[in-house]
Amino acid sequence: MDIRSLRYFVEVVEQNSFTRAAAKLHVTQPTVSKMIAQLEQSLDLALLDRAGKRFSLTDAGKVVLSRAHELLALHADLKVALRDLQELERGELRVGVSPQTHSTLAPWLAEYHQRYPGIELKMYESGTQAIERDLRTGTVELGTMLDYPGNAATWQDFEALPLVRSPLCLLAAPGSPWQGRSSVALAELADSPFIFYGAAFALNEIVLDACQRAGFAPRITGRSGQWDFIASLVRLGVGICLLPKMYCDTLAPAQFDIIPLAGPPVEWNLMLAWRRGGRLSFAARAWLELVRERMADAPRLQ
């Protein structure tokens, strides 16, 4: 069984489309179809039940999919073990990062590059849910993930280093009904249009849960994975948003109303995570050590 054909099979199932899988893998659709056919031939079993352009998993396909992530992770571990022989003279550092962590991580990455100029820095930008998936499959070795009640069970599979904890604040256009307030209760926002976050971002679940506990379901008027773009939409009156105080503090106060939330804090709690029991490359271990050094130099970022 070829590991590449197994990776293609997983991508086809997760994308629910040969075409989208081919685009994600940067290959042609016939190449994907050929690799799936080779996998089925090697196993002498049909994995997909095809009906025109649609398909569903056969019983054999379900078994293969249930083991695929484990096999891909083991394969990634094997590659790491072999690559470790080269130590830090060359190689790559594969880290999953959310777009909002640049200001925190960029100085550390620059220092890492100065220490190990032969290591290529590969940053995979996405949200917590996509980074978790990339950690499980071995696409990245370390990644930033949010810690919140909705993913508490996730941490049995990962080790983590706390990076940033910041309460969410209300971000509204200037002259809002809450202008000048020292705080605002979340329930007061029930009738306001909200701008939410990209599909793979855990902030969706965090804010939805907080709103539900406050007794309402938010009315979503737009979405973006870029906080700067969200802030622009807020400033222009498209809606309000809840964003971490550490980000809101970087905005021009005259262009926004920024008000803390009253009551129990709703927090953006960022962690640097890696797979529990997984083998980290020398490059990844050196990055983790640098981050630990910098976190020891200063209190946890707020």
C-alpha atoms as a PDB file:
ATOM      1  CA  MET A   1       0.000   0.000   0.000  1.00  0.00           C
ATOM      2  CA  ASP A   2       1.512   3.300  -1.123  1.00  0.00           C
ATOM      3  CA  ILE A   3       1.428   6.009   1.546  1.00  0.00           C
ATOM      4  CA  ARG A   4       0.758   8.701  -1.042  1.00  0.00           C
ATOM      5  CA  SER A   5      -2.343   6.891  -2.307  1.00  0.00           C
ATOM      6  CA  LEU A   6      -3.548   6.653   1.293  1.00  0.00           C
ATOM      7  CA  ARG A   7      -3.035  10.418   1.754  1.00  0.00           C
ATOM      8  CA  TYR A   8      -4.973  11.073  -1.476  1.00  0.00           C
ATOM      9  CA  PHE A   9      -7.794   8.808  -0.266  1.00  0.00           C
ATOM     10  CA  VAL A  10      -8.086  10.707   3.031  1.00  0.00           C
ATOM     11  CA  GLU A  11      -8.145  14.041   1.209  1.00  0.00           C
ATOM     12  CA  VAL A  12     -10.876  12.873  -1.215  1.00  0.00           C
ATOM     13  CA  VAL A  13     -13.071  11.748   1.683  1.00  0.00           C
ATOM     14  CA  GLU A  14     -12.470  14.891   3.759  1.00  0.00           C
ATOM     15  CA  GLN A  15     -13.093  17.190   0.798  1.00  0.00           C
ATOM     16  CA  ASN A  16     -16.024  15.003  -0.376  1.00  0.00           C
ATOM     17  CA  SER A  17     -14.833  15.688  -3.909  1.00  0.00           C
ATOM     18  CA  PHE A  18     -12.124  14.435  -6.266  1.00  0.00           C
ATOM     19  CA  THR A  19     -11.891  17.914  -7.801  1.00  0.00           C
ATOM     20  CA  ARG A  20     -11.426  19.745  -4.493  1.00  0.00           C
ATOM     21  CA  ALA A  21      -8.980  17.091  -3.295  1.00  0.00           C
ATOM     22  CA  ALA A  22      -6.901  17.523  -6.450  1.00  0.00           C
ATOM     23  CA  ALA A  23      -6.811  21.292  -5.934  1.00  0.00           C
ATOM     24  CA  LYS A  24      -5.776  20.865  -2.280  1.00  0.00           C
ATOM     25  CA  LEU A  25      -3.038  18.394  -3.242  1.00  0.00           C
ATOM     26  CA  HIS A  26      -1.885  20.520  -6.209  1.00  0.00           C
ATOM     27  CA  VAL A  27      -2.281  17.659  -8.694  1.00  0.00           C
ATOM     28  CA  THR A  28      -4.719  16.871 -11.490  1.00  0.00           C
ATOM     29  CA  GLN A  29      -8.007  15.081 -10.892  1.00  0.00           C
ATOM     30  CA  PRO A  30      -6.966  12.092 -13.071  1.00  0.00           C
ATOM     31  CA  THR A  31      -3.894  11.702 -10.860  1.00  0.00           C
ATOM     32  CA  VAL A  32      -6.086  11.513  -7.766  1.00  0.00           C
ATOM     33  CA  SER A  33      -8.441   9.015  -9.451  1.00  0.00           C
ATOM     34  CA  LYS A  34      -5.472   6.874 -10.496  1.00  0.00           C
ATOM     35  CA  MET A  35      -4.010   6.842  -6.975  1.00  0.00           C
ATOM     36  CA  ILE A  36      -7.364   5.826  -5.446  1.00  0.00           C
ATOM     37  CA  ALA A  37      -7.702   3.048  -8.031  1.00  0.00           C
ATOM     38  CA  GLN A  38      -4.177   1.821  -7.203  1.00  0.00           C
ATOM     39  CA  LEU A  39      -5.019   1.792  -3.494  1.00  0.00           C
ATOM     40  CA  GLU A  40      -8.153  -0.265  -4.137  1.00  0.00           C
ATOM     41  CA  GLN A  41      -6.182  -2.652  -6.352  1.00  0.00           C
ATOM     42  CA  SER A  42      -3.471  -3.112  -3.730  1.00  0.00           C
ATOM     43  CA  LEU A  43      -6.119  -3.981  -1.125  1.00  0.00           C
ATOM     44  CA  ASP A  44      -8.276  -5.931  -3.599  1.00  0.00           C
ATOM     45  CA  LEU A  45     -11.298  -4.103  -2.205  1.00  0.00           C
ATOM     46  CA  ALA A  46     -13.523  -1.238  -3.291  1.00  0.00           C
ATOM     47  CA  LEU A  47     -13.229   1.692  -0.890  1.00  0.00           C
ATOM     48  CA  LEU A  48     -15.685   4.059  -2.565  1.00  0.00           C
ATOM     49  CA  ASP A  49     -19.162   3.326  -3.875  1.00  0.00           C
ATOM     50  CA  ARG A  50     -19.439   5.640  -6.892  1.00  0.00           C
ATOM     51  CA  ALA A  51     -22.670   6.983  -8.367  1.00  0.00           C
ATOM     52  CA  GLY A  52     -21.835   9.475 -11.108  1.00  0.00           C
ATOM     53  CA  LYS A  53     -19.880  12.324  -9.575  1.00  0.00           C
ATOM     54  CA  ARG A  54     -20.996  11.371  -6.082  1.00  0.00           C
ATOM     55  CA  PHE A  55     -19.609   8.652  -3.863  1.00  0.00           C
ATOM     56  CA  SER A  56     -19.912   7.121  -0.429  1.00  0.00           C
ATOM     57  CA  LEU A  57     -17.589   4.981   1.663  1.00  0.00           C
ATOM     58  CA  THR A  58     -17.917   1.211   1.498  1.00  0.00           C
ATOM     59  CA  ASP A  59     -17.499  -0.787   4.693  1.00  0.00           C
ATOM     60  CA  ALA A  60     -13.875  -1.404   3.688  1.00  0.00           C
ATOM     61  CA  GLY A  61     -13.438   2.310   3.025  1.00  0.00           C
ATOM     62  CA  LYS A  62     -14.668   3.137   6.514  1.00  0.00           C
ATOM     63  CA  VAL A  63     -12.116   0.748   8.039  1.00  0.00           C
ATOM     64  CA  VAL A  64      -9.282   2.209   5.966  1.00  0.00           C
ATOM     65  CA  LEU A  65     -10.288   5.776   6.846  1.00  0.00           C
ATOM     66  CA  SER A  66     -10.432   4.919  10.573  1.00  0.00           C
ATOM     67  CA  ARG A  67      -6.781   3.806  10.428  1.00  0.00           C
ATOM     68  CA  ALA A  68      -5.517   6.281   7.854  1.00  0.00           C
ATOM     69  CA  HIS A  69      -4.664   9.181  10.177  1.00  0.00           C
ATOM     70  CA  GLU A  70      -2.700   6.875  12.471  1.00  0.00           C
ATOM     71  CA  LEU A  71      -0.759   5.422   9.517  1.00  0.00           C
ATOM     72  CA  LEU A  72      -0.044   8.880   8.089  1.00  0.00           C
ATOM     73  CA  ALA A  73       1.170  10.082  11.482  1.00  0.00           C
ATOM     74  CA  LEU A  74       3.433   7.017  11.814  1.00  0.00           C
ATOM     75  CA  HIS A  75       4.805   7.716   8.354  1.00  0.00           C
ATOM     76  CA  ALA A  76       5.469  11.328   9.348  1.00  0.00           C
ATOM     77  CA  ASP A  77       7.293  10.076  12.461  1.00  0.00           C
ATOM     78  CA  LEU A  78       9.478   7.840  10.281  1.00  0.00           C
ATOM     79  CA  LYS A  79      10.401  10.769   8.066  1.00  0.00           C
ATOM     80  CA  VAL A  80      11.225  12.850  11.149  1.00  0.00           C
ATOM     81  CA  ALA A  81      13.470  10.116  12.548  1.00  0.00           C
ATOM     82  CA  LEU A  82      15.421   9.909   9.295  1.00  0.00           C
ATOM     83  CA  ARG A  83      15.602  13.676   8.882  1.00  0.00           C
ATOM     84  CA  ASP A  84      16.965  14.020  12.416  1.00  0.00           C
ATOM     85  CA  LEU A  85      20.205  12.483  11.185  1.00  0.00           C
ATOM     86  CA  GLN A  86      20.905  15.794   9.466  1.00  0.00           C
ATOM     87  CA  GLU A  87      20.389  17.588  12.782  1.00  0.00           C
ATOM     88  CA  LEU A  88      20.085  21.359  12.364  1.00  0.00           C
ATOM     89  CA  GLU A  89      22.381  22.037   9.442  1.00  0.00           C
ATOM     90  CA  ARG A  90      19.416  21.867   7.087  1.00  0.00           C
ATOM     91  CA  GLY A  91      15.778  20.882   7.212  1.00  0.00           C
ATOM     92  CA  GLU A  92      12.467  22.582   7.892  1.00  0.00           C
ATOM     93  CA  LEU A  93      10.330  23.805  10.752  1.00  0.00           C
ATOM     94  CA  ARG A  94       6.626  23.135  10.104  1.00  0.00           C
ATOM     95  CA  VAL A  95       4.350  25.156  12.378  1.00  0.00           C
ATOM     96  CA  GLY A  96       0.618  25.775  12.145  1.00  0.00           C
ATOM     97  CA  VAL A  97      -0.225  29.360  13.059  1.00  0.00           C
ATOM     98  CA  SER A  98      -3.403  31.396  13.161  1.00  0.00           C
ATOM     99  CA  PRO A  99      -3.126  34.664  11.211  1.00  0.00           C
ATOM    100  CA  GLN A 100      -3.612  36.636  14.441  1.00  0.00           C
ATOM    101  CA  THR A 101      -0.437  35.320  16.119  1.00  0.00           C
ATOM    102  CA  HIS A 102       2.070  37.094  13.873  1.00  0.00           C
ATOM    103  CA  SER A 103       2.894  39.901  16.281  1.00  0.00           C
ATOM    104  CA  THR A 104       3.739  37.375  19.013  1.00  0.00           C
ATOM    105  CA  LEU A 105       5.573  34.769  16.960  1.00  0.00           C
ATOM    106  CA  ALA A 106       7.391  36.832  14.314  1.00  0.00           C
ATOM    107  CA  PRO A 107      10.198  38.130  16.625  1.00  0.00           C
ATOM    108  CA  TRP A 108      10.814  34.602  17.926  1.00  0.00           C
ATOM    109  CA  LEU A 109      10.886  33.176  14.413  1.00  0.00           C
ATOM    110  CA  ALA A 110      13.387  35.849  13.396  1.00  0.00           C
ATOM    111  CA  GLU A 111      15.620  34.874  16.326  1.00  0.00           C
ATOM    112  CA  TYR A 112      15.245  31.198  15.417  1.00  0.00           C
ATOM    113  CA  HIS A 113      16.332  31.983  11.845  1.00  0.00           C
ATOM    114  CA  GLN A 114      19.412  33.790  13.153  1.00  0.00           C
ATOM    115  CA  ARG A 115      20.348  30.735  15.230  1.00  0.00           C
ATOM    116  CA  TYR A 116      19.610  28.153  12.520  1.00  0.00           C
ATOM    117  CA  PRO A 117      19.800  29.842   9.085  1.00  0.00           C
ATOM    118  CA  GLY A 118      19.794  26.473   7.300  1.00  0.00           C
ATOM    119  CA  ILE A 119      16.310  25.601   8.568  1.00  0.00           C
ATOM    120  CA  GLU A 120      13.461  26.577   6.235  1.00  0.00           C
ATOM    121  CA  LEU A 121      10.512  28.120   8.069  1.00  0.00           C
ATOM    122  CA  LYS A 122       7.218  26.696   6.832  1.00  0.00           C
ATOM    123  CA  MET A 123       4.194  28.411   8.331  1.00  0.00           C
ATOM    124  CA  TYR A 124       0.747  26.900   7.736  1.00  0.00           C
ATOM    125  CA  GLU A 125      -1.852  29.598   8.389  1.00  0.00           C
ATOM    126  CA  SER A 126      -5.281  28.451   9.536  1.00  0.00           C
ATOM    127  CA  GLY A 127      -7.642  28.286  12.488  1.00  0.00           C
ATOM    128  CA  THR A 128      -7.557  26.005  15.534  1.00  0.00           C
ATOM    129  CA  GLN A 129      -9.687  23.242  14.022  1.00  0.00           C
ATOM    130  CA  ALA A 130      -7.623  22.982  10.832  1.00  0.00           C
ATOM    131  CA  ILE A 131      -4.349  23.161  12.797  1.00  0.00           C
ATOM    132  CA  GLU A 132      -5.549  20.326  15.053  1.00  0.00           C
ATOM    133  CA  ARG A 133      -6.160  18.213  11.971  1.00  0.00           C
ATOM    134  CA  ASP A 134      -2.731  19.066  10.564  1.00  0.00           C
ATOM    135  CA  LEU A 135      -1.114  18.081  13.871  1.00  0.00           C
ATOM    136  CA  ARG A 136      -2.896  14.740  13.865  1.00  0.00           C
ATOM    137  CA  THR A 137      -1.839  13.899  10.299  1.00  0.00           C
ATOM    138  CA  GLY A 138       1.733  15.112  10.743  1.00  0.00           C
ATOM    139  CA  THR A 139       1.427  17.997   8.254  1.00  0.00           C
ATOM    140  CA  VAL A 140       2.800  20.259  11.005  1.00  0.00           C
ATOM    141  CA  GLU A 141       4.794  19.359  14.105  1.00  0.00           C
ATOM    142  CA  LEU A 142       3.667  22.222  16.317  1.00  0.00           C
ATOM    143  CA  GLY A 143       0.747  24.582  16.070  1.00  0.00           C
ATOM    144  CA  THR A 144      -1.130  27.334  17.858  1.00  0.00           C
ATOM    145  CA  MET A 145      -4.509  26.219  19.189  1.00  0.00           C
ATOM    146  CA  LEU A 146      -7.105  27.828  21.403  1.00  0.00           C
ATOM    147  CA  ASP A 147      -7.950  26.211  24.734  1.00  0.00           C
ATOM    148  CA  TYR A 148     -11.654  26.516  25.572  1.00  0.00           C
ATOM    149  CA  PRO A 149     -14.337  24.340  27.222  1.00  0.00           C
ATOM    150  CA  GLY A 150     -15.586  23.014  23.879  1.00  0.00           C
ATOM    151  CA  ASN A 151     -12.301  21.268  23.067  1.00  0.00           C
ATOM    152  CA  ALA A 152     -11.327  20.087  26.558  1.00  0.00           C
ATOM    153  CA  ALA A 153     -11.205  16.433  25.450  1.00  0.00           C
ATOM    154  CA  THR A 154      -8.779  17.333  22.665  1.00  0.00           C
ATOM    155  CA  TRP A 155      -5.917  17.907  25.076  1.00  0.00           C
ATOM    156  CA  GLN A 156      -5.637  14.241  26.005  1.00  0.00           C
ATOM    157  CA  ASP A 157      -3.975  13.841  22.584  1.00  0.00           C
ATOM    158  CA  PHE A 158      -1.721  16.910  22.787  1.00  0.00           C
ATOM    159  CA  GLU A 159       0.860  18.525  24.991  1.00  0.00           C
ATOM    160  CA  ALA A 160       0.865  22.310  25.102  1.00  0.00           C
ATOM    161  CA  LEU A 161       2.674  25.414  26.261  1.00  0.00           C
ATOM    162  CA  PRO A 162       0.508  28.424  27.213  1.00  0.00           C
ATOM    163  CA  LEU A 163       1.311  31.502  25.109  1.00  0.00           C
ATOM    164  CA  VAL A 164      -1.334  34.219  25.380  1.00  0.00           C
ATOM    165  CA  ARG A 165      -4.447  34.804  27.461  1.00  0.00           C
ATOM    166  CA  SER A 166      -6.605  37.800  26.589  1.00  0.00           C
ATOM    167  CA  PRO A 167     -10.260  38.587  27.403  1.00  0.00           C
ATOM    168  CA  LEU A 168     -12.597  39.348  24.529  1.00  0.00           C
ATOM    169  CA  CYS A 169     -13.873  42.923  24.217  1.00  0.00           C
ATOM    170  CA  LEU A 170     -16.750  44.433  22.326  1.00  0.00           C
ATOM    171  CA  LEU A 171     -15.558  46.204  19.170  1.00  0.00           C
ATOM    172  CA  ALA A 172     -18.148  48.624  17.769  1.00  0.00           C
ATOM    173  CA  ALA A 173     -18.276  51.612  15.444  1.00  0.00           C
ATOM    174  CA  PRO A 174     -17.686  55.011  17.085  1.00  0.00           C
ATOM    175  CA  GLY A 175     -20.817  56.560  18.549  1.00  0.00           C
ATOM    176  CA  SER A 176     -22.355  53.196  19.406  1.00  0.00           C
ATOM    177  CA  PRO A 177     -25.005  52.894  22.143  1.00  0.00           C
ATOM    178  CA  TRP A 178     -22.252  51.658  24.465  1.00  0.00           C
ATOM    179  CA  GLN A 179     -19.849  54.558  23.943  1.00  0.00           C
ATOM    180  CA  GLY A 180     -18.227  55.667  27.201  1.00  0.00           C
ATOM    181  CA  ARG A 181     -19.369  52.607  29.144  1.00  0.00           C
ATOM    182  CA  SER A 182     -16.873  50.898  31.451  1.00  0.00           C
ATOM    183  CA  SER A 183     -18.334  47.508  30.544  1.00  0.00           C
ATOM    184  CA  VAL A 184     -21.222  45.922  28.683  1.00  0.00           C
ATOM    185  CA  ALA A 185     -23.166  42.750  29.441  1.00  0.00           C
ATOM    186  CA  LEU A 186     -23.236  40.275  26.584  1.00  0.00           C
ATOM    187  CA  ALA A 187     -27.039  40.051  26.784  1.00  0.00           C
ATOM    188  CA  GLU A 188     -27.230  43.745  25.797  1.00  0.00           C
ATOM    189  CA  LEU A 189     -25.848  42.822  22.375  1.00  0.00           C
ATOM    190  CA  ALA A 190     -28.651  40.380  21.524  1.00  0.00           C
ATOM    191  CA  ASP A 191     -30.291  42.662  18.936  1.00  0.00           C
ATOM    192  CA  SER A 192     -27.048  43.717  17.228  1.00  0.00           C
ATOM    193  CA  PRO A 193     -25.625  42.213  14.020  1.00  0.00           C
ATOM    194  CA  PHE A 194     -22.393  40.302  14.615  1.00  0.00           C
ATOM    195  CA  ILE A 195     -19.388  39.830  12.384  1.00  0.00           C
ATOM    196  CA  PHE A 196     -18.034  36.332  12.938  1.00  0.00           C
ATOM    197  CA  TYR A 197     -14.849  34.497  12.044  1.00  0.00           C
ATOM    198  CA  GLY A 198     -13.543  32.115   9.381  1.00  0.00           C
ATOM    199  CA  ALA A 199     -15.017  28.616   9.275  1.00  0.00           C
ATOM    200  CA  ALA A 200     -11.948  26.886  10.786  1.00  0.00           C
ATOM    201  CA  PHE A 201     -11.622  29.322  13.706  1.00  0.00           C
ATOM    202  CA  ALA A 202     -12.509  28.190  17.228  1.00  0.00           C
ATOM    203  CA  LEU A 203     -13.623  31.729  18.131  1.00  0.00           C
ATOM    204  CA  ASN A 204     -16.911  30.869  16.413  1.00  0.00           C
ATOM    205  CA  GLU A 205     -17.618  28.183  18.996  1.00  0.00           C
ATOM    206  CA  ILE A 206     -16.323  30.290  21.901  1.00  0.00           C
ATOM    207  CA  VAL A 207     -18.523  33.286  21.086  1.00  0.00           C
ATOM    208  CA  LEU A 208     -21.570  31.208  20.129  1.00  0.00           C
ATOM    209  CA  ASP A 209     -21.358  29.402  23.464  1.00  0.00           C
ATOM    210  CA  ALA A 210     -21.000  32.688  25.373  1.00  0.00           C
ATOM    211  CA  CYS A 211     -24.017  34.177  23.574  1.00  0.00           C
ATOM    212  CA  GLN A 212     -26.122  31.089  24.249  1.00  0.00           C
ATOM    213  CA  ARG A 213     -25.230  31.273  27.951  1.00  0.00           C
ATOM    214  CA  ALA A 214     -26.343  34.928  27.833  1.00  0.00           C
ATOM    215  CA  GLY A 215     -29.703  33.811  26.450  1.00  0.00           C
ATOM    216  CA  PHE A 216     -29.566  34.549  22.723  1.00  0.00           C
ATOM    217  CA  ALA A 217     -28.294  33.336  19.359  1.00  0.00           C
ATOM    218  CA  PRO A 218     -26.246  36.012  17.560  1.00  0.00           C
ATOM    219  CA  ARG A 219     -27.460  37.363  14.238  1.00  0.00           C
ATOM    220  CA  ILE A 220     -24.444  36.968  11.924  1.00  0.00           C
ATOM    221  CA  THR A 221     -24.126  39.536   9.176  1.00  0.00           C
ATOM    222  CA  GLY A 222     -20.647  38.653   7.887  1.00  0.00           C
ATOM    223  CA  ARG A 223     -17.538  36.518   8.389  1.00  0.00           C
ATOM    224  CA  SER A 224     -13.792  36.869   7.921  1.00  0.00           C
ATOM    225  CA  GLY A 225     -10.650  35.096   9.075  1.00  0.00           C
ATOM    226  CA  GLN A 226      -8.717  38.391   9.147  1.00  0.00           C
ATOM    227  CA  TRP A 227      -9.135  40.562  12.210  1.00  0.00           C
ATOM    228  CA  ASP A 228      -7.992  43.718  10.381  1.00  0.00           C
ATOM    229  CA  PHE A 229     -10.745  43.201   7.801  1.00  0.00           C
ATOM    230  CA  ILE A 230     -13.286  42.533  10.551  1.00  0.00           C
ATOM    231  CA  ALA A 231     -12.226  45.785  12.258  1.00  0.00           C
ATOM    232  CA  SER A 232     -12.720  47.698   8.986  1.00  0.00           C
ATOM    233  CA  LEU A 233     -16.235  46.286   8.613  1.00  0.00           C
ATOM    234  CA  VAL A 234     -17.006  47.200  12.227  1.00  0.00           C
ATOM    235  CA  ARG A 235     -15.719  50.757  11.738  1.00  0.00           C
ATOM    236  CA  LEU A 236     -17.981  51.113   8.682  1.00  0.00           C
ATOM    237  CA  GLY A 237     -21.053  50.011  10.640  1.00  0.00           C
ATOM    238  CA  VAL A 238     -21.580  46.521   9.168  1.00  0.00           C
ATOM    239  CA  GLY A 239     -21.798  44.969  12.623  1.00  0.00           C
ATOM    240  CA  ILE A 240     -20.122  44.484  15.977  1.00  0.00           C
ATOM    241  CA  CYS A 241     -17.551  41.876  16.940  1.00  0.00           C
ATOM    242  CA  LEU A 242     -15.890  40.323  19.977  1.00  0.00           C
ATOM    243  CA  LEU A 243     -12.096  40.286  19.673  1.00  0.00           C
ATOM    244  CA  PRO A 244      -9.205  39.848  22.137  1.00  0.00           C
ATOM    245  CA  LYS A 245      -8.218  42.917  24.146  1.00  0.00           C
ATOM    246  CA  MET A 246      -4.577  42.499  23.080  1.00  0.00           C
ATOM    247  CA  TYR A 247      -5.672  43.086  19.472  1.00  0.00           C
ATOM    248  CA  CYS A 248      -8.184  45.835  20.273  1.00  0.00           C
ATOM    249  CA  ASP A 249      -5.436  47.721  22.092  1.00  0.00           C
ATOM    250  CA  THR A 250      -3.569  48.084  18.773  1.00  0.00           C
ATOM    251  CA  LEU A 251      -6.484  49.925  17.112  1.00  0.00           C
ATOM    252  CA  ALA A 252      -6.927  53.687  16.914  1.00  0.00           C
ATOM    253  CA  PRO A 253      -9.253  54.566  19.837  1.00  0.00           C
ATOM    254  CA  ALA A 254     -10.900  57.421  17.916  1.00  0.00           C
ATOM    255  CA  GLN A 255     -12.120  55.021  15.219  1.00  0.00           C
ATOM    256  CA  PHE A 256     -13.829  52.484  17.485  1.00  0.00           C
ATOM    257  CA  ASP A 257     -15.766  51.977  20.672  1.00  0.00           C
ATOM    258  CA  ILE A 258     -13.898  49.292  22.620  1.00  0.00           C
ATOM    259  CA  ILE A 259     -15.664  48.106  25.762  1.00  0.00           C
ATOM    260  CA  PRO A 260     -14.801  45.216  28.131  1.00  0.00           C
ATOM    261  CA  LEU A 261     -17.455  42.568  28.683  1.00  0.00           C
ATOM    262  CA  ALA A 262     -19.084  42.447  32.108  1.00  0.00           C
ATOM    263  CA  GLY A 263     -19.417  39.233  34.051  1.00  0.00           C
ATOM    264  CA  PRO A 264     -17.288  36.077  33.755  1.00  0.00           C
ATOM    265  CA  PRO A 265     -14.535  36.689  31.188  1.00  0.00           C
ATOM    266  CA  VAL A 266     -14.802  35.201  27.715  1.00  0.00           C
ATOM    267  CA  GLU A 267     -11.176  34.514  26.873  1.00  0.00           C
ATOM    268  CA  TRP A 268      -8.870  33.965  23.924  1.00  0.00           C
ATOM    269  CA  ASN A 269      -6.467  31.434  25.423  1.00  0.00           C
ATOM    270  CA  LEU A 270      -3.717  30.561  22.928  1.00  0.00           C
ATOM    271  CA  MET A 271      -1.485  27.502  23.322  1.00  0.00           C
ATOM    272  CA  LEU A 272       1.462  26.097  21.395  1.00  0.00           C
ATOM    273  CA  ALA A 273       0.577  22.424  20.912  1.00  0.00           C
ATOM    274  CA  TRP A 274       2.228  19.244  19.674  1.00  0.00           C
ATOM    275  CA  ARG A 275       1.072  15.642  19.436  1.00  0.00           C
ATOM    276  CA  ARG A 276       1.383  13.736  22.708  1.00  0.00           C
ATOM    277  CA  GLY A 277       3.817  10.870  22.309  1.00  0.00           C
ATOM    278  CA  GLY A 278       4.884  12.064  18.864  1.00  0.00           C
ATOM    279  CA  ARG A 279       8.530  12.405  17.918  1.00  0.00           C
ATOM    280  CA  LEU A 280       9.567  16.014  17.332  1.00  0.00           C
ATOM    281  CA  SER A 281      12.369  16.767  14.894  1.00  0.00           C
ATOM    282  CA  PHE A 282      15.504  18.524  16.103  1.00  0.00           C
ATOM    283  CA  ALA A 283      14.232  21.646  14.340  1.00  0.00           C
ATOM    284  CA  ALA A 284      10.910  21.520  16.174  1.00  0.00           C
ATOM    285  CA  ARG A 285      12.549  20.794  19.526  1.00  0.00           C
ATOM    286  CA  ALA A 286      14.892  23.760  19.026  1.00  0.00           C
ATOM    287  CA  TRP A 287      11.877  25.996  18.274  1.00  0.00           C
ATOM    288  CA  LEU A 288      10.047  24.753  21.364  1.00  0.00           C
ATOM    289  CA  GLU A 289      13.114  25.411  23.507  1.00  0.00           C
ATOM    290  CA  LEU A 290      13.423  28.969  22.161  1.00  0.00           C
ATOM    291  CA  VAL A 291       9.745  29.663  22.895  1.00  0.00           C
ATOM    292  CA  ARG A 292      10.177  28.329  26.434  1.00  0.00           C
ATOM    293  CA  GLU A 293      13.172  30.634  26.910  1.00  0.00           C
ATOM    294  CA  ARG A 294      11.239  33.687  25.741  1.00  0.00           C
ATOM    295  CA  MET A 295       8.203  32.816  27.870  1.00  0.00           C
ATOM    296  CA  ALA A 296      10.483  32.490  30.912  1.00  0.00           C
ATOM    297  CA  ASP A 297      11.950  35.950  30.215  1.00  0.00           C
ATOM    298  CA  ALA A 298       8.573  37.640  30.594  1.00  0.00           C
ATOM    299  CA  PRO A 299       5.227  36.850  32.270  1.00  0.00           C
ATOM    300  CA  ARG A 300       2.563  35.271  30.151  1.00  0.00           C
ATOM    301  CA  LEU A 301       1.365  37.742  27.545  1.00  0.00           C
ATOM    302  CA  GLN A 302      -1.901  39.404  28.389  1.00  0.00           C
END
